[in-house]
Amino acid sequence: MTRSAKLRRLHFLNALFAPLTGHDLYLAEQLDAAITTSLDEATDDEHTSSDPAFVTAAALLFAKLCHANETHGFFHWDAAVDATGGTPLFARAGLMQGLKGLAPFAEATVLVTNLRSAHCPETKRWTERRRRDYDDTLTLLRELTVARTRRNANVNLLFL
């Protein structure tokens, strides 16, 4: 794995787990090793922060930690679950489902994955319209999170 890929992965883990562990890079490295080991791979060369298996394993681990903590809520929304996930209407519906579940928590983390690839699959190229639609969806999700959470709640919204 390249040094920059490793650094991106550590930043992802540090951002995701920071509400529970603080911004400790040593702990991020420990989490990285644990997740890679849990994927049962002899080498971690294939697993990057954009690898769906790695992201899913990290999200499951974070969900387990939040469930054990009971003071911090977590919701993971994958925009690539279906072909319509990247459209504003379905993005709004997907996020609203999670925000309703996070309402009782004073602190929460929302992880949104694959929104970029939902707007522009790898086989396509970015056009001005796709960029505008993607930016509009990001803005919609940010504003929706602010509007639909309690004022005193601390919600971390992460896009990967």
N, C-alpha and C. Protein backbone atom coordinates (compact mmCIF):
# COMPACT_ATOMS: atom_id res chain seq x y z
N MET A 1 0.86 -1.17 0.00
CA MET A 1 0.00 0.00 0.00
C MET A 1 0.90 1.23 0.00
N THR A 2 0.52 2.21 -0.79
CA THR A 2 1.33 3.42 -0.85
C THR A 2 1.17 4.21 0.44
N ARG A 3 2.12 5.06 0.66
CA ARG A 3 2.11 5.87 1.88
C ARG A 3 0.90 6.81 1.92
N SER A 4 0.54 7.39 0.76
CA SER A 4 -0.60 8.31 0.73
C SER A 4 -1.92 7.55 0.95
N ALA A 5 -2.03 6.32 0.44
CA ALA A 5 -3.24 5.52 0.68
C ALA A 5 -3.36 5.17 2.15
N LYS A 6 -2.24 4.83 2.78
CA LYS A 6 -2.25 4.53 4.22
C LYS A 6 -2.65 5.75 5.03
N LEU A 7 -2.13 6.91 4.63
CA LEU A 7 -2.46 8.15 5.33
C LEU A 7 -3.94 8.50 5.17
N ARG A 8 -4.49 8.32 3.97
CA ARG A 8 -5.93 8.57 3.75
C ARG A 8 -6.77 7.65 4.62
N ARG A 9 -6.36 6.40 4.71
CA ARG A 9 -7.10 5.44 5.52
C ARG A 9 -7.04 5.82 6.99
N LEU A 10 -5.88 6.25 7.48
CA LEU A 10 -5.77 6.66 8.88
C LEU A 10 -6.59 7.91 9.16
N HIS A 11 -6.62 8.85 8.22
CA HIS A 11 -7.46 10.04 8.40
C HIS A 11 -8.94 9.67 8.45
N PHE A 12 -9.35 8.73 7.60
CA PHE A 12 -10.74 8.26 7.62
C PHE A 12 -11.06 7.66 8.99
N LEU A 13 -10.22 6.77 9.47
CA LEU A 13 -10.46 6.13 10.76
C LEU A 13 -10.42 7.14 11.90
N ASN A 14 -9.49 8.08 11.83
CA ASN A 14 -9.38 9.10 12.86
C ASN A 14 -10.64 9.97 12.89
N ALA A 15 -11.15 10.33 11.72
CA ALA A 15 -12.37 11.15 11.67
C ALA A 15 -13.58 10.36 12.15
N LEU A 16 -13.69 9.11 11.76
CA LEU A 16 -14.85 8.30 12.13
C LEU A 16 -14.85 7.99 13.63
N PHE A 17 -13.74 7.59 14.17
CA PHE A 17 -13.70 7.15 15.57
C PHE A 17 -13.36 8.26 16.56
N ALA A 18 -13.10 9.47 16.09
CA ALA A 18 -12.71 10.57 16.97
C ALA A 18 -13.71 10.86 18.08
N PRO A 19 -15.03 10.82 17.82
CA PRO A 19 -15.96 11.11 18.91
C PRO A 19 -15.85 10.14 20.09
N LEU A 20 -15.38 8.94 19.84
CA LEU A 20 -15.28 7.96 20.92
C LEU A 20 -13.87 7.82 21.48
N THR A 21 -12.87 8.07 20.65
CA THR A 21 -11.51 7.83 21.10
C THR A 21 -10.64 9.07 21.15
N GLY A 22 -11.13 10.20 20.67
CA GLY A 22 -10.29 11.38 20.56
C GLY A 22 -9.48 11.30 19.28
N HIS A 23 -8.72 12.32 19.00
CA HIS A 23 -7.94 12.37 17.76
C HIS A 23 -6.57 11.75 17.98
N ASP A 24 -6.53 10.49 18.34
CA ASP A 24 -5.29 9.81 18.64
C ASP A 24 -4.89 8.94 17.45
N LEU A 25 -3.81 9.32 16.75
CA LEU A 25 -3.38 8.57 15.58
C LEU A 25 -2.88 7.17 15.94
N TYR A 26 -2.36 7.00 17.15
CA TYR A 26 -1.93 5.68 17.58
C TYR A 26 -3.14 4.73 17.62
N LEU A 27 -4.24 5.22 18.17
CA LEU A 27 -5.45 4.40 18.19
C LEU A 27 -5.98 4.16 16.78
N ALA A 28 -5.85 5.14 15.89
CA ALA A 28 -6.27 4.94 14.50
C ALA A 28 -5.46 3.83 13.85
N GLU A 29 -4.16 3.77 14.14
CA GLU A 29 -3.33 2.68 13.60
C GLU A 29 -3.74 1.34 14.18
N GLN A 30 -4.09 1.31 15.47
CA GLN A 30 -4.55 0.08 16.09
C GLN A 30 -5.88 -0.39 15.48
N LEU A 31 -6.77 0.57 15.24
CA LEU A 31 -8.05 0.24 14.60
C LEU A 31 -7.83 -0.27 13.18
N ASP A 32 -6.91 0.36 12.47
CA ASP A 32 -6.58 -0.05 11.11
C ASP A 32 -6.12 -1.51 11.11
N ALA A 33 -5.23 -1.85 12.02
CA ALA A 33 -4.72 -3.22 12.10
C ALA A 33 -5.83 -4.20 12.47
N ALA A 34 -6.69 -3.80 13.39
CA ALA A 34 -7.78 -4.69 13.81
C ALA A 34 -8.77 -4.92 12.68
N ILE A 35 -9.11 -3.88 11.95
CA ILE A 35 -10.07 -4.03 10.85
C ILE A 35 -9.47 -4.87 9.74
N THR A 36 -8.22 -4.61 9.41
CA THR A 36 -7.56 -5.38 8.36
C THR A 36 -7.48 -6.85 8.75
N THR A 37 -7.16 -7.12 10.02
CA THR A 37 -7.11 -8.49 10.49
C THR A 37 -8.50 -9.14 10.44
N SER A 38 -9.53 -8.37 10.79
CA SER A 38 -10.88 -8.93 10.78
C SER A 38 -11.35 -9.27 9.37
N LEU A 39 -10.76 -8.64 8.38
CA LEU A 39 -11.11 -8.96 6.99
C LEU A 39 -10.45 -10.26 6.54
N ASP A 40 -9.60 -10.83 7.44
CA ASP A 40 -8.99 -12.12 7.21
C ASP A 40 -8.15 -12.14 5.94
N GLU A 41 -7.36 -11.10 5.77
CA GLU A 41 -6.48 -11.03 4.61
C GLU A 41 -5.03 -11.13 5.10
N ALA A 42 -4.21 -11.82 4.36
CA ALA A 42 -2.81 -11.95 4.72
C ALA A 42 -2.06 -10.64 4.51
N THR A 43 -2.53 -9.84 3.55
CA THR A 43 -1.88 -8.57 3.27
C THR A 43 -2.93 -7.47 3.21
N ASP A 44 -2.57 -6.27 3.59
CA ASP A 44 -3.52 -5.17 3.56
C ASP A 44 -3.34 -4.30 2.32
N ASP A 45 -2.60 -4.77 1.33
CA ASP A 45 -2.36 -3.98 0.13
C ASP A 45 -3.63 -3.64 -0.62
N GLU A 46 -4.62 -4.51 -0.56
CA GLU A 46 -5.84 -4.30 -1.32
C GLU A 46 -6.84 -3.40 -0.62
N HIS A 47 -6.70 -3.20 0.67
CA HIS A 47 -7.72 -2.49 1.44
C HIS A 47 -7.34 -1.03 1.62
N THR A 48 -8.14 -0.16 1.05
CA THR A 48 -7.95 1.27 1.20
C THR A 48 -9.19 1.86 1.81
N SER A 49 -9.17 3.15 2.09
CA SER A 49 -10.34 3.79 2.69
C SER A 49 -11.50 3.86 1.70
N SER A 50 -11.25 3.58 0.42
CA SER A 50 -12.34 3.56 -0.54
C SER A 50 -12.80 2.14 -0.84
N ASP A 51 -12.17 1.15 -0.24
CA ASP A 51 -12.55 -0.24 -0.43
C ASP A 51 -13.85 -0.51 0.32
N PRO A 52 -14.89 -0.99 -0.37
CA PRO A 52 -16.18 -1.21 0.30
C PRO A 52 -16.10 -2.16 1.48
N ALA A 53 -15.28 -3.21 1.39
CA ALA A 53 -15.18 -4.16 2.50
C ALA A 53 -14.56 -3.49 3.73
N PHE A 54 -13.55 -2.67 3.52
CA PHE A 54 -12.90 -1.98 4.63
C PHE A 54 -13.85 -0.97 5.26
N VAL A 55 -14.55 -0.20 4.44
CA VAL A 55 -15.48 0.81 4.95
C VAL A 55 -16.61 0.13 5.72
N THR A 56 -17.14 -0.96 5.19
CA THR A 56 -18.21 -1.68 5.86
C THR A 56 -17.73 -2.23 7.21
N ALA A 57 -16.53 -2.80 7.23
CA ALA A 57 -15.99 -3.33 8.48
C ALA A 57 -15.78 -2.22 9.50
N ALA A 58 -15.27 -1.07 9.06
CA ALA A 58 -15.08 0.07 9.97
C ALA A 58 -16.42 0.57 10.50
N ALA A 59 -17.42 0.66 9.63
CA ALA A 59 -18.74 1.13 10.04
C ALA A 59 -19.38 0.16 11.04
N LEU A 60 -19.23 -1.14 10.81
CA LEU A 60 -19.78 -2.14 11.74
C LEU A 60 -19.10 -2.05 13.11
N LEU A 61 -17.78 -1.88 13.10
CA LEU A 61 -17.06 -1.75 14.37
C LEU A 61 -17.50 -0.49 15.11
N PHE A 62 -17.64 0.61 14.39
CA PHE A 62 -18.07 1.86 15.02
C PHE A 62 -19.50 1.72 15.56
N ALA A 63 -20.38 1.05 14.81
CA ALA A 63 -21.75 0.83 15.28
C ALA A 63 -21.77 0.01 16.57
N LYS A 64 -20.90 -1.01 16.65
CA LYS A 64 -20.82 -1.82 17.87
C LYS A 64 -20.34 -0.99 19.05
N LEU A 65 -19.35 -0.13 18.82
CA LEU A 65 -18.85 0.72 19.89
C LEU A 65 -19.92 1.71 20.35
N CYS A 66 -20.67 2.25 19.40
CA CYS A 66 -21.74 3.19 19.76
C CYS A 66 -22.85 2.48 20.52
N HIS A 67 -23.16 1.27 20.11
CA HIS A 67 -24.22 0.51 20.79
C HIS A 67 -23.80 0.20 22.24
N ALA A 68 -22.54 -0.10 22.43
CA ALA A 68 -22.05 -0.38 23.78
C ALA A 68 -21.98 0.89 24.62
N ASN A 69 -21.72 2.01 23.98
CA ASN A 69 -21.59 3.29 24.66
C ASN A 69 -22.96 3.84 25.08
N GLU A 70 -23.96 3.70 24.27
CA GLU A 70 -25.34 4.13 24.48
C GLU A 70 -25.53 5.64 24.62
N THR A 71 -24.47 6.42 24.49
CA THR A 71 -24.63 7.87 24.54
C THR A 71 -24.32 8.51 23.19
N HIS A 72 -23.83 7.71 22.27
CA HIS A 72 -23.43 8.21 20.96
C HIS A 72 -24.15 7.38 19.89
N GLY A 73 -24.91 8.06 19.04
CA GLY A 73 -25.63 7.37 17.98
C GLY A 73 -24.81 7.31 16.70
N PHE A 74 -25.16 6.36 15.83
CA PHE A 74 -24.45 6.20 14.57
C PHE A 74 -25.41 5.74 13.49
N PHE A 75 -25.24 6.32 12.30
CA PHE A 75 -26.01 5.91 11.13
C PHE A 75 -25.09 5.92 9.92
N HIS A 76 -25.11 4.82 9.18
CA HIS A 76 -24.31 4.70 7.94
C HIS A 76 -25.28 4.59 6.78
N TRP A 77 -25.17 5.52 5.84
CA TRP A 77 -26.00 5.48 4.64
C TRP A 77 -25.10 5.33 3.43
N ASP A 78 -25.34 4.27 2.67
CA ASP A 78 -24.58 3.99 1.46
C ASP A 78 -25.42 4.40 0.26
N ALA A 79 -24.98 5.42 -0.47
CA ALA A 79 -25.74 5.93 -1.62
C ALA A 79 -25.74 4.98 -2.80
N ALA A 80 -24.82 4.02 -2.80
CA ALA A 80 -24.72 3.10 -3.93
C ALA A 80 -25.55 1.83 -3.76
N VAL A 81 -26.39 1.80 -2.73
CA VAL A 81 -27.20 0.60 -2.50
C VAL A 81 -28.12 0.34 -3.70
N ASP A 82 -28.67 1.40 -4.25
CA ASP A 82 -29.48 1.24 -5.46
C ASP A 82 -29.13 2.35 -6.45
N ALA A 83 -29.66 2.24 -7.64
CA ALA A 83 -29.30 3.18 -8.72
C ALA A 83 -29.81 4.59 -8.46
N THR A 84 -30.80 4.76 -7.60
CA THR A 84 -31.37 6.09 -7.36
C THR A 84 -30.79 6.78 -6.13
N GLY A 85 -29.84 6.16 -5.46
CA GLY A 85 -29.32 6.68 -4.20
C GLY A 85 -28.73 8.07 -4.27
N GLY A 86 -28.17 8.44 -5.42
CA GLY A 86 -27.54 9.74 -5.53
C GLY A 86 -28.48 10.88 -5.84
N THR A 87 -29.71 10.57 -6.20
CA THR A 87 -30.65 11.65 -6.54
C THR A 87 -31.10 12.35 -5.26
N PRO A 88 -31.36 13.65 -5.34
CA PRO A 88 -31.72 14.40 -4.12
C PRO A 88 -32.92 13.83 -3.36
N LEU A 89 -33.93 13.37 -4.06
CA LEU A 89 -35.11 12.85 -3.39
C LEU A 89 -34.78 11.61 -2.55
N PHE A 90 -34.06 10.67 -3.14
CA PHE A 90 -33.73 9.44 -2.42
C PHE A 90 -32.61 9.67 -1.39
N ALA A 91 -31.71 10.61 -1.67
CA ALA A 91 -30.69 10.96 -0.68
C ALA A 91 -31.35 11.56 0.56
N ARG A 92 -32.33 12.41 0.33
CA ARG A 92 -33.07 13.01 1.45
C ARG A 92 -33.78 11.94 2.26
N ALA A 93 -34.45 11.03 1.57
CA ALA A 93 -35.18 9.96 2.26
C ALA A 93 -34.23 9.06 3.04
N GLY A 94 -33.08 8.72 2.46
CA GLY A 94 -32.12 7.87 3.14
C GLY A 94 -31.56 8.53 4.39
N LEU A 95 -31.23 9.80 4.29
CA LEU A 95 -30.69 10.51 5.44
C LEU A 95 -31.75 10.74 6.51
N MET A 96 -32.96 11.07 6.11
CA MET A 96 -34.04 11.29 7.09
C MET A 96 -34.30 10.05 7.93
N GLN A 97 -34.21 8.89 7.29
CA GLN A 97 -34.40 7.63 8.03
C GLN A 97 -33.39 7.53 9.17
N GLY A 98 -32.14 7.88 8.87
CA GLY A 98 -31.11 7.81 9.90
C GLY A 98 -31.24 8.89 10.95
N LEU A 99 -31.60 10.10 10.53
CA LEU A 99 -31.72 11.20 11.49
C LEU A 99 -32.84 10.95 12.49
N LYS A 100 -33.90 10.29 12.06
CA LYS A 100 -34.99 9.95 13.00
C LYS A 100 -34.48 9.02 14.08
N GLY A 101 -33.64 8.07 13.70
CA GLY A 101 -33.08 7.13 14.68
C GLY A 101 -32.08 7.78 15.62
N LEU A 102 -31.47 8.87 15.19
CA LEU A 102 -30.46 9.55 16.00
C LEU A 102 -31.04 10.63 16.91
N ALA A 103 -32.33 10.89 16.81
CA ALA A 103 -32.97 11.97 17.57
C ALA A 103 -32.73 11.90 19.08
N PRO A 104 -32.74 10.72 19.70
CA PRO A 104 -32.56 10.71 21.16
C PRO A 104 -31.13 10.98 21.64
N PHE A 105 -30.16 10.96 20.74
CA PHE A 105 -28.77 11.07 21.15
C PHE A 105 -28.30 12.53 21.15
N ALA A 106 -27.52 12.87 22.17
CA ALA A 106 -26.93 14.21 22.23
C ALA A 106 -25.71 14.31 21.32
N GLU A 107 -25.07 13.18 21.05
CA GLU A 107 -23.94 13.11 20.13
C GLU A 107 -24.19 11.99 19.14
N ALA A 108 -23.85 12.25 17.87
CA ALA A 108 -24.08 11.24 16.84
C ALA A 108 -23.11 11.43 15.69
N THR A 109 -22.93 10.37 14.93
CA THR A 109 -22.11 10.39 13.74
C THR A 109 -22.92 9.82 12.58
N VAL A 110 -22.92 10.54 11.46
CA VAL A 110 -23.58 10.08 10.24
C VAL A 110 -22.49 9.89 9.20
N LEU A 111 -22.38 8.68 8.68
CA LEU A 111 -21.40 8.36 7.65
C LEU A 111 -22.14 8.15 6.33
N VAL A 112 -21.82 8.96 5.33
CA VAL A 112 -22.42 8.85 4.00
C VAL A 112 -21.32 8.36 3.06
N THR A 113 -21.54 7.20 2.46
CA THR A 113 -20.54 6.63 1.56
C THR A 113 -21.08 6.49 0.15
N ASN A 114 -20.17 6.52 -0.79
CA ASN A 114 -20.43 6.28 -2.22
C ASN A 114 -21.36 7.29 -2.88
N LEU A 115 -21.49 8.46 -2.32
CA LEU A 115 -22.32 9.49 -2.95
C LEU A 115 -21.68 9.97 -4.24
N ARG A 116 -20.37 10.11 -4.22
CA ARG A 116 -19.65 10.54 -5.42
C ARG A 116 -19.80 9.54 -6.56
N SER A 117 -19.63 8.27 -6.25
CA SER A 117 -19.75 7.25 -7.30
C SER A 117 -21.20 7.05 -7.74
N ALA A 118 -22.15 7.40 -6.88
CA ALA A 118 -23.55 7.32 -7.28
C ALA A 118 -23.88 8.41 -8.31
N HIS A 119 -23.20 9.54 -8.20
CA HIS A 119 -23.42 10.62 -9.16
C HIS A 119 -22.64 10.42 -10.45
N CYS A 120 -21.48 9.81 -10.35
CA CYS A 120 -20.66 9.59 -11.54
C CYS A 120 -19.95 8.25 -11.42
N PRO A 121 -20.54 7.19 -11.99
CA PRO A 121 -19.88 5.88 -11.95
C PRO A 121 -18.51 5.93 -12.63
N GLU A 122 -17.66 4.97 -12.31
CA GLU A 122 -16.31 4.95 -12.85
C GLU A 122 -16.28 4.89 -14.37
N THR A 123 -17.30 4.34 -14.98
CA THR A 123 -17.34 4.22 -16.44
C THR A 123 -17.72 5.52 -17.12
N LYS A 124 -18.17 6.50 -16.35
CA LYS A 124 -18.58 7.79 -16.90
C LYS A 124 -17.55 8.85 -16.54
N ARG A 125 -17.68 10.01 -17.14
CA ARG A 125 -16.80 11.11 -16.77
C ARG A 125 -17.62 12.24 -16.16
N TRP A 126 -16.92 13.06 -15.37
CA TRP A 126 -17.59 14.17 -14.71
C TRP A 126 -17.92 15.25 -15.72
N THR A 127 -19.17 15.63 -15.76
CA THR A 127 -19.61 16.74 -16.59
C THR A 127 -19.99 17.88 -15.67
N GLU A 128 -20.22 19.03 -16.23
CA GLU A 128 -20.62 20.19 -15.43
C GLU A 128 -21.94 19.92 -14.70
N ARG A 129 -22.85 19.25 -15.39
CA ARG A 129 -24.15 18.95 -14.77
C ARG A 129 -23.99 17.96 -13.62
N ARG A 130 -23.17 16.93 -13.81
CA ARG A 130 -22.94 15.96 -12.73
C ARG A 130 -22.30 16.64 -11.52
N ARG A 131 -21.34 17.52 -11.75
CA ARG A 131 -20.70 18.24 -10.64
C ARG A 131 -21.71 19.11 -9.90
N ARG A 132 -22.54 19.80 -10.65
CA ARG A 132 -23.55 20.66 -10.04
C ARG A 132 -24.55 19.82 -9.23
N ASP A 133 -25.01 18.70 -9.79
CA ASP A 133 -25.94 17.83 -9.07
C ASP A 133 -25.31 17.27 -7.80
N TYR A 134 -24.05 16.88 -7.89
CA TYR A 134 -23.33 16.37 -6.73
C TYR A 134 -23.20 17.44 -5.65
N ASP A 135 -22.80 18.64 -6.04
CA ASP A 135 -22.68 19.74 -5.08
C ASP A 135 -24.03 20.09 -4.46
N ASP A 136 -25.09 20.07 -5.28
CA ASP A 136 -26.43 20.35 -4.76
C ASP A 136 -26.86 19.29 -3.75
N THR A 137 -26.53 18.03 -4.01
CA THR A 137 -26.89 16.95 -3.09
C THR A 137 -26.11 17.09 -1.79
N LEU A 138 -24.82 17.42 -1.87
CA LEU A 138 -24.03 17.65 -0.65
C LEU A 138 -24.62 18.77 0.19
N THR A 139 -24.96 19.86 -0.46
CA THR A 139 -25.56 21.00 0.24
C THR A 139 -26.89 20.60 0.88
N LEU A 140 -27.70 19.87 0.14
CA LEU A 140 -28.99 19.40 0.67
C LEU A 140 -28.80 18.55 1.91
N LEU A 141 -27.86 17.61 1.87
CA LEU A 141 -27.64 16.72 3.02
C LEU A 141 -27.10 17.49 4.23
N ARG A 142 -26.22 18.44 4.00
CA ARG A 142 -25.71 19.26 5.11
C ARG A 142 -26.82 20.08 5.75
N GLU A 143 -27.60 20.75 4.91
CA GLU A 143 -28.68 21.59 5.43
C GLU A 143 -29.77 20.75 6.11
N LEU A 144 -30.06 19.60 5.56
CA LEU A 144 -31.05 18.71 6.16
C LEU A 144 -30.59 18.23 7.53
N THR A 145 -29.31 17.92 7.65
CA THR A 145 -28.78 17.48 8.95
C THR A 145 -28.90 18.58 9.98
N VAL A 146 -28.60 19.80 9.59
CA VAL A 146 -28.71 20.93 10.52
C VAL A 146 -30.17 21.17 10.90
N ALA A 147 -31.06 21.10 9.92
CA ALA A 147 -32.47 21.41 10.17
C ALA A 147 -33.20 20.32 10.96
N ARG A 148 -32.77 19.07 10.83
CA ARG A 148 -33.51 17.96 11.44
C ARG A 148 -32.85 17.34 12.66
N THR A 149 -31.90 18.05 13.26
CA THR A 149 -31.33 17.58 14.52
C THR A 149 -31.57 18.63 15.59
N ARG A 150 -31.52 18.20 16.83
CA ARG A 150 -31.72 19.14 17.94
C ARG A 150 -30.62 20.18 17.93
N ARG A 151 -30.96 21.37 18.38
CA ARG A 151 -29.98 22.47 18.38
C ARG A 151 -28.78 22.18 19.26
N ASN A 152 -29.00 21.50 20.35
CA ASN A 152 -27.89 21.23 21.27
C ASN A 152 -27.17 19.92 20.96
N ALA A 153 -27.56 19.22 19.91
CA ALA A 153 -26.92 17.95 19.55
C ALA A 153 -25.62 18.22 18.80
N ASN A 154 -24.66 17.36 19.04
CA ASN A 154 -23.38 17.42 18.35
C ASN A 154 -23.36 16.28 17.34
N VAL A 155 -23.56 16.62 16.06
CA VAL A 155 -23.64 15.60 15.01
C VAL A 155 -22.47 15.78 14.06
N ASN A 156 -21.72 14.71 13.86
CA ASN A 156 -20.62 14.70 12.90
C ASN A 156 -21.12 14.07 11.61
N LEU A 157 -21.02 14.80 10.52
CA LEU A 157 -21.46 14.32 9.21
C LEU A 157 -20.22 14.08 8.37
N LEU A 158 -19.96 12.81 8.04
CA LEU A 158 -18.77 12.43 7.29
C LEU A 158 -19.17 11.91 5.92
N PHE A 159 -18.49 12.39 4.89
CA PHE A 159 -18.71 11.93 3.52
C PHE A 159 -17.47 11.17 3.07
N LEU A 160 -17.66 9.98 2.55
CA LEU A 160 -16.55 9.21 2.03
C LEU A 160 -16.92 8.66 0.68
